Amino acid sequence: MSFSIHIDQPLAPLLEELPPPVRVSLEAHLQRIAETAEFLLPEDPRWEDMVQPDGDGLRTYVAGCCVRLHLLPRRRELVVEQIGRVRIRLPDSLALAR
């Protein structure tokens, strides 16, 4: 059984604003992390393909979002603390041809 996923309540409105494909990708990625947490300790170097250390927690990028989270092995919980959209606007001179 995978870790439960807890998303802090203040993040709920942000999740609702995400386009459905982004929300689905984010939820699937968090589920993969929760399932992997069954087998790897938070400090295991094999996490590097999925998450990176960030202060006292972890960070991951998915579907244009940066997600900060903590794994709590004793409580068997993945806690999402922050979600931010990563947006880059290129000057017209660097934009892809349309």
N, C-alpha and C. Protein backbone atom coordinates (compact mmCIF):
# COMPACT_ATOMS: atom_id res chain seq x y z
N MET A 1 0.85 -1.18 0.00
CA MET A 1 0.00 0.00 0.00
C MET A 1 0.89 1.25 0.00
N SER A 2 0.62 2.18 -0.89
CA SER A 2 1.46 3.36 -1.01
C SER A 2 1.17 4.36 0.10
N PHE A 3 2.07 5.33 0.23
CA PHE A 3 1.88 6.41 1.18
C PHE A 3 0.60 7.17 0.81
N SER A 4 -0.06 7.72 1.82
CA SER A 4 -1.19 8.60 1.52
C SER A 4 -0.64 9.96 1.08
N ILE A 5 -1.41 10.66 0.27
CA ILE A 5 -1.00 11.97 -0.24
C ILE A 5 -1.84 13.03 0.45
N HIS A 6 -1.15 13.95 1.12
CA HIS A 6 -1.84 15.05 1.80
C HIS A 6 -1.40 16.35 1.14
N ILE A 7 -2.37 17.09 0.62
CA ILE A 7 -2.10 18.40 0.02
C ILE A 7 -2.67 19.45 0.95
N ASP A 8 -1.80 20.34 1.43
CA ASP A 8 -2.24 21.37 2.37
C ASP A 8 -3.46 22.11 1.83
N GLN A 9 -4.43 22.37 2.67
CA GLN A 9 -5.70 22.98 2.29
C GLN A 9 -5.55 24.29 1.50
N PRO A 10 -4.64 25.19 1.85
CA PRO A 10 -4.52 26.43 1.06
C PRO A 10 -4.17 26.21 -0.41
N LEU A 11 -3.69 25.00 -0.76
CA LEU A 11 -3.34 24.72 -2.15
C LEU A 11 -4.53 24.27 -2.98
N ALA A 12 -5.64 23.95 -2.35
CA ALA A 12 -6.81 23.45 -3.08
C ALA A 12 -7.29 24.40 -4.18
N PRO A 13 -7.41 25.71 -3.92
CA PRO A 13 -7.85 26.60 -5.01
C PRO A 13 -6.89 26.61 -6.19
N LEU A 14 -5.59 26.54 -5.92
CA LEU A 14 -4.61 26.51 -7.00
C LEU A 14 -4.80 25.25 -7.86
N LEU A 15 -5.00 24.12 -7.20
CA LEU A 15 -5.21 22.87 -7.94
C LEU A 15 -6.44 22.97 -8.83
N GLU A 16 -7.49 23.59 -8.34
CA GLU A 16 -8.72 23.74 -9.12
C GLU A 16 -8.51 24.63 -10.34
N GLU A 17 -7.59 25.57 -10.26
CA GLU A 17 -7.32 26.49 -11.37
C GLU A 17 -6.45 25.86 -12.46
N LEU A 18 -5.77 24.78 -12.15
CA LEU A 18 -4.90 24.15 -13.14
C LEU A 18 -5.73 23.53 -14.25
N PRO A 19 -5.24 23.60 -15.48
CA PRO A 19 -5.93 22.92 -16.58
C PRO A 19 -6.02 21.42 -16.27
N PRO A 20 -7.10 20.76 -16.64
CA PRO A 20 -7.26 19.33 -16.33
C PRO A 20 -6.07 18.46 -16.71
N PRO A 21 -5.45 18.62 -17.90
CA PRO A 21 -4.30 17.74 -18.21
C PRO A 21 -3.13 17.95 -17.25
N VAL A 22 -2.92 19.18 -16.80
CA VAL A 22 -1.84 19.47 -15.85
C VAL A 22 -2.16 18.83 -14.51
N ARG A 23 -3.41 18.98 -14.06
CA ARG A 23 -3.82 18.40 -12.77
C ARG A 23 -3.68 16.88 -12.79
N VAL A 24 -4.08 16.24 -13.90
CA VAL A 24 -3.97 14.78 -14.01
C VAL A 24 -2.50 14.35 -13.97
N SER A 25 -1.64 15.06 -14.70
CA SER A 25 -0.20 14.74 -14.69
C SER A 25 0.39 14.90 -13.29
N LEU A 26 0.01 15.97 -12.62
CA LEU A 26 0.50 16.24 -11.27
C LEU A 26 0.06 15.14 -10.31
N GLU A 27 -1.22 14.78 -10.36
CA GLU A 27 -1.73 13.73 -9.47
C GLU A 27 -1.06 12.39 -9.75
N ALA A 28 -0.84 12.06 -11.03
CA ALA A 28 -0.18 10.80 -11.38
C ALA A 28 1.27 10.78 -10.88
N HIS A 29 1.95 11.91 -11.02
CA HIS A 29 3.34 11.99 -10.56
C HIS A 29 3.42 11.84 -9.04
N LEU A 30 2.52 12.50 -8.33
CA LEU A 30 2.50 12.37 -6.87
C LEU A 30 2.19 10.93 -6.46
N GLN A 31 1.31 10.27 -7.21
CA GLN A 31 0.99 8.87 -6.90
C GLN A 31 2.21 7.98 -7.11
N ARG A 32 2.98 8.23 -8.18
CA ARG A 32 4.21 7.45 -8.39
C ARG A 32 5.20 7.67 -7.25
N ILE A 33 5.31 8.90 -6.77
CA ILE A 33 6.21 9.18 -5.66
C ILE A 33 5.72 8.43 -4.41
N ALA A 34 4.41 8.48 -4.16
CA ALA A 34 3.84 7.80 -2.98
C ALA A 34 4.08 6.29 -3.06
N GLU A 35 3.96 5.71 -4.24
CA GLU A 35 4.20 4.28 -4.40
C GLU A 35 5.68 3.94 -4.22
N THR A 36 6.55 4.78 -4.74
CA THR A 36 7.99 4.56 -4.62
C THR A 36 8.45 4.70 -3.17
N ALA A 37 7.79 5.57 -2.42
CA ALA A 37 8.16 5.79 -1.02
C ALA A 37 8.01 4.52 -0.17
N GLU A 38 7.24 3.57 -0.67
CA GLU A 38 7.12 2.28 0.03
C GLU A 38 8.46 1.56 0.09
N PHE A 39 9.31 1.81 -0.90
CA PHE A 39 10.52 1.01 -1.05
C PHE A 39 11.81 1.78 -0.82
N LEU A 40 11.77 3.10 -0.90
CA LEU A 40 12.98 3.90 -0.74
C LEU A 40 12.86 4.88 0.42
N LEU A 41 13.90 4.99 1.21
CA LEU A 41 13.94 6.00 2.26
C LEU A 41 14.14 7.37 1.61
N PRO A 42 13.69 8.45 2.26
CA PRO A 42 13.82 9.79 1.67
C PRO A 42 15.24 10.17 1.27
N GLU A 43 16.25 9.66 1.98
CA GLU A 43 17.63 10.03 1.68
C GLU A 43 18.30 9.11 0.65
N ASP A 44 17.58 8.14 0.13
CA ASP A 44 18.14 7.20 -0.85
C ASP A 44 18.49 7.94 -2.14
N PRO A 45 19.71 7.77 -2.67
CA PRO A 45 20.12 8.49 -3.88
C PRO A 45 19.33 8.08 -5.13
N ARG A 46 18.64 6.96 -5.09
CA ARG A 46 17.86 6.54 -6.27
C ARG A 46 16.65 7.44 -6.54
N TRP A 47 16.32 8.33 -5.61
CA TRP A 47 15.23 9.27 -5.81
C TRP A 47 15.54 10.31 -6.88
N GLU A 48 16.83 10.51 -7.21
CA GLU A 48 17.23 11.65 -8.03
C GLU A 48 16.51 11.74 -9.37
N ASP A 49 16.01 10.64 -9.91
CA ASP A 49 15.27 10.71 -11.17
C ASP A 49 13.87 11.27 -10.99
N MET A 50 13.36 11.24 -9.77
CA MET A 50 11.98 11.65 -9.52
C MET A 50 11.87 12.95 -8.70
N VAL A 51 12.75 13.11 -7.72
CA VAL A 51 12.72 14.28 -6.84
C VAL A 51 14.15 14.70 -6.51
N GLN A 52 14.32 15.95 -6.11
CA GLN A 52 15.62 16.46 -5.71
C GLN A 52 15.51 17.02 -4.29
N PRO A 53 16.59 16.95 -3.52
CA PRO A 53 16.57 17.56 -2.19
C PRO A 53 16.32 19.06 -2.30
N ASP A 54 15.58 19.60 -1.35
CA ASP A 54 15.28 21.03 -1.33
C ASP A 54 15.11 21.45 0.13
N GLY A 55 16.17 22.02 0.70
CA GLY A 55 16.12 22.37 2.12
C GLY A 55 15.90 21.13 2.95
N ASP A 56 14.86 21.14 3.78
CA ASP A 56 14.57 19.96 4.61
C ASP A 56 13.56 19.03 3.95
N GLY A 57 13.19 19.31 2.70
CA GLY A 57 12.23 18.48 2.00
C GLY A 57 12.74 18.08 0.62
N LEU A 58 11.78 17.90 -0.28
CA LEU A 58 12.09 17.49 -1.64
C LEU A 58 11.38 18.41 -2.62
N ARG A 59 11.88 18.42 -3.87
CA ARG A 59 11.29 19.24 -4.93
C ARG A 59 11.19 18.38 -6.17
N THR A 60 10.12 18.60 -6.94
CA THR A 60 9.96 17.91 -8.21
C THR A 60 9.28 18.85 -9.19
N TYR A 61 9.47 18.58 -10.46
CA TYR A 61 8.84 19.37 -11.51
C TYR A 61 7.98 18.45 -12.36
N VAL A 62 6.78 18.88 -12.65
CA VAL A 62 5.88 18.09 -13.49
C VAL A 62 4.89 19.02 -14.17
N ALA A 63 4.73 18.86 -15.46
CA ALA A 63 3.72 19.59 -16.25
C ALA A 63 3.77 21.09 -16.00
N GLY A 64 4.97 21.65 -15.95
CA GLY A 64 5.10 23.09 -15.75
C GLY A 64 4.89 23.56 -14.33
N CYS A 65 4.89 22.64 -13.38
CA CYS A 65 4.71 22.99 -11.97
C CYS A 65 5.94 22.56 -11.17
N CYS A 66 6.28 23.38 -10.19
CA CYS A 66 7.31 23.03 -9.22
C CYS A 66 6.58 22.67 -7.93
N VAL A 67 6.88 21.50 -7.39
CA VAL A 67 6.18 21.01 -6.20
C VAL A 67 7.20 20.75 -5.10
N ARG A 68 6.95 21.35 -3.92
CA ARG A 68 7.78 21.07 -2.73
C ARG A 68 6.99 20.13 -1.85
N LEU A 69 7.67 19.09 -1.35
CA LEU A 69 6.98 18.08 -0.56
C LEU A 69 7.89 17.49 0.49
N HIS A 70 7.28 16.78 1.41
CA HIS A 70 8.01 16.03 2.42
C HIS A 70 7.47 14.60 2.42
N LEU A 71 8.37 13.65 2.65
CA LEU A 71 7.97 12.27 2.89
C LEU A 71 8.08 12.01 4.38
N LEU A 72 7.01 11.50 4.96
CA LEU A 72 6.97 11.21 6.40
C LEU A 72 6.81 9.70 6.56
N PRO A 73 7.93 8.96 6.57
CA PRO A 73 7.86 7.49 6.61
C PRO A 73 7.10 6.93 7.81
N ARG A 74 7.27 7.50 8.98
CA ARG A 74 6.58 6.97 10.17
C ARG A 74 5.07 7.08 10.04
N ARG A 75 4.62 8.15 9.39
CA ARG A 75 3.17 8.35 9.19
C ARG A 75 2.70 7.81 7.85
N ARG A 76 3.68 7.33 7.04
CA ARG A 76 3.38 6.81 5.71
C ARG A 76 2.58 7.83 4.90
N GLU A 77 3.17 9.03 4.86
CA GLU A 77 2.46 10.14 4.23
C GLU A 77 3.41 10.96 3.35
N LEU A 78 2.89 11.42 2.22
CA LEU A 78 3.55 12.37 1.35
C LEU A 78 2.78 13.68 1.53
N VAL A 79 3.47 14.72 1.99
CA VAL A 79 2.82 16.00 2.27
C VAL A 79 3.29 17.02 1.25
N VAL A 80 2.35 17.54 0.45
CA VAL A 80 2.64 18.59 -0.52
C VAL A 80 2.49 19.93 0.18
N GLU A 81 3.56 20.71 0.18
CA GLU A 81 3.54 22.00 0.89
C GLU A 81 3.41 23.19 -0.03
N GLN A 82 3.95 23.09 -1.24
CA GLN A 82 3.88 24.22 -2.17
C GLN A 82 3.75 23.70 -3.58
N ILE A 83 2.97 24.43 -4.38
CA ILE A 83 2.88 24.17 -5.81
C ILE A 83 2.99 25.51 -6.50
N GLY A 84 3.88 25.60 -7.45
CA GLY A 84 4.03 26.83 -8.22
C GLY A 84 4.07 26.52 -9.70
N ARG A 85 3.49 27.38 -10.49
CA ARG A 85 3.55 27.21 -11.95
C ARG A 85 4.85 27.81 -12.45
N VAL A 86 5.50 27.10 -13.33
CA VAL A 86 6.72 27.59 -13.96
C VAL A 86 6.31 28.10 -15.34
N ARG A 87 6.46 29.40 -15.53
CA ARG A 87 6.09 30.00 -16.81
C ARG A 87 7.27 30.81 -17.32
N ILE A 88 7.55 30.62 -18.56
CA ILE A 88 8.63 31.37 -19.20
C ILE A 88 8.07 32.03 -20.45
N ARG A 89 8.27 33.31 -20.55
CA ARG A 89 7.84 34.02 -21.75
C ARG A 89 9.08 34.48 -22.48
N LEU A 90 9.24 33.96 -23.68
CA LEU A 90 10.39 34.33 -24.48
C LEU A 90 10.10 35.59 -25.28
N PRO A 91 11.12 36.40 -25.48
CA PRO A 91 10.92 37.54 -26.38
C PRO A 91 10.57 37.02 -27.77
N ASP A 92 9.84 37.84 -28.53
CA ASP A 92 9.42 37.41 -29.87
C ASP A 92 10.60 36.94 -30.72
N SER A 93 11.77 37.53 -30.52
CA SER A 93 12.93 37.16 -31.31
C SER A 93 13.39 35.73 -31.02
N LEU A 94 13.03 35.18 -29.86
CA LEU A 94 13.43 33.82 -29.49
C LEU A 94 12.28 32.82 -29.57
N ALA A 95 11.09 33.29 -29.80
CA ALA A 95 9.92 32.42 -29.83
C ALA A 95 10.00 31.47 -31.03
N LEU A 96 9.39 30.31 -30.88
CA LEU A 96 9.36 29.35 -31.97
C LEU A 96 8.51 29.88 -33.12
N ALA A 97 8.91 29.54 -34.32
CA ALA A 97 8.13 29.98 -35.49
C ALA A 97 6.75 29.35 -35.43
N ARG A 98 5.78 30.11 -35.87
CA ARG A 98 4.39 29.61 -35.81
C ARG A 98 3.91 29.17 -37.15
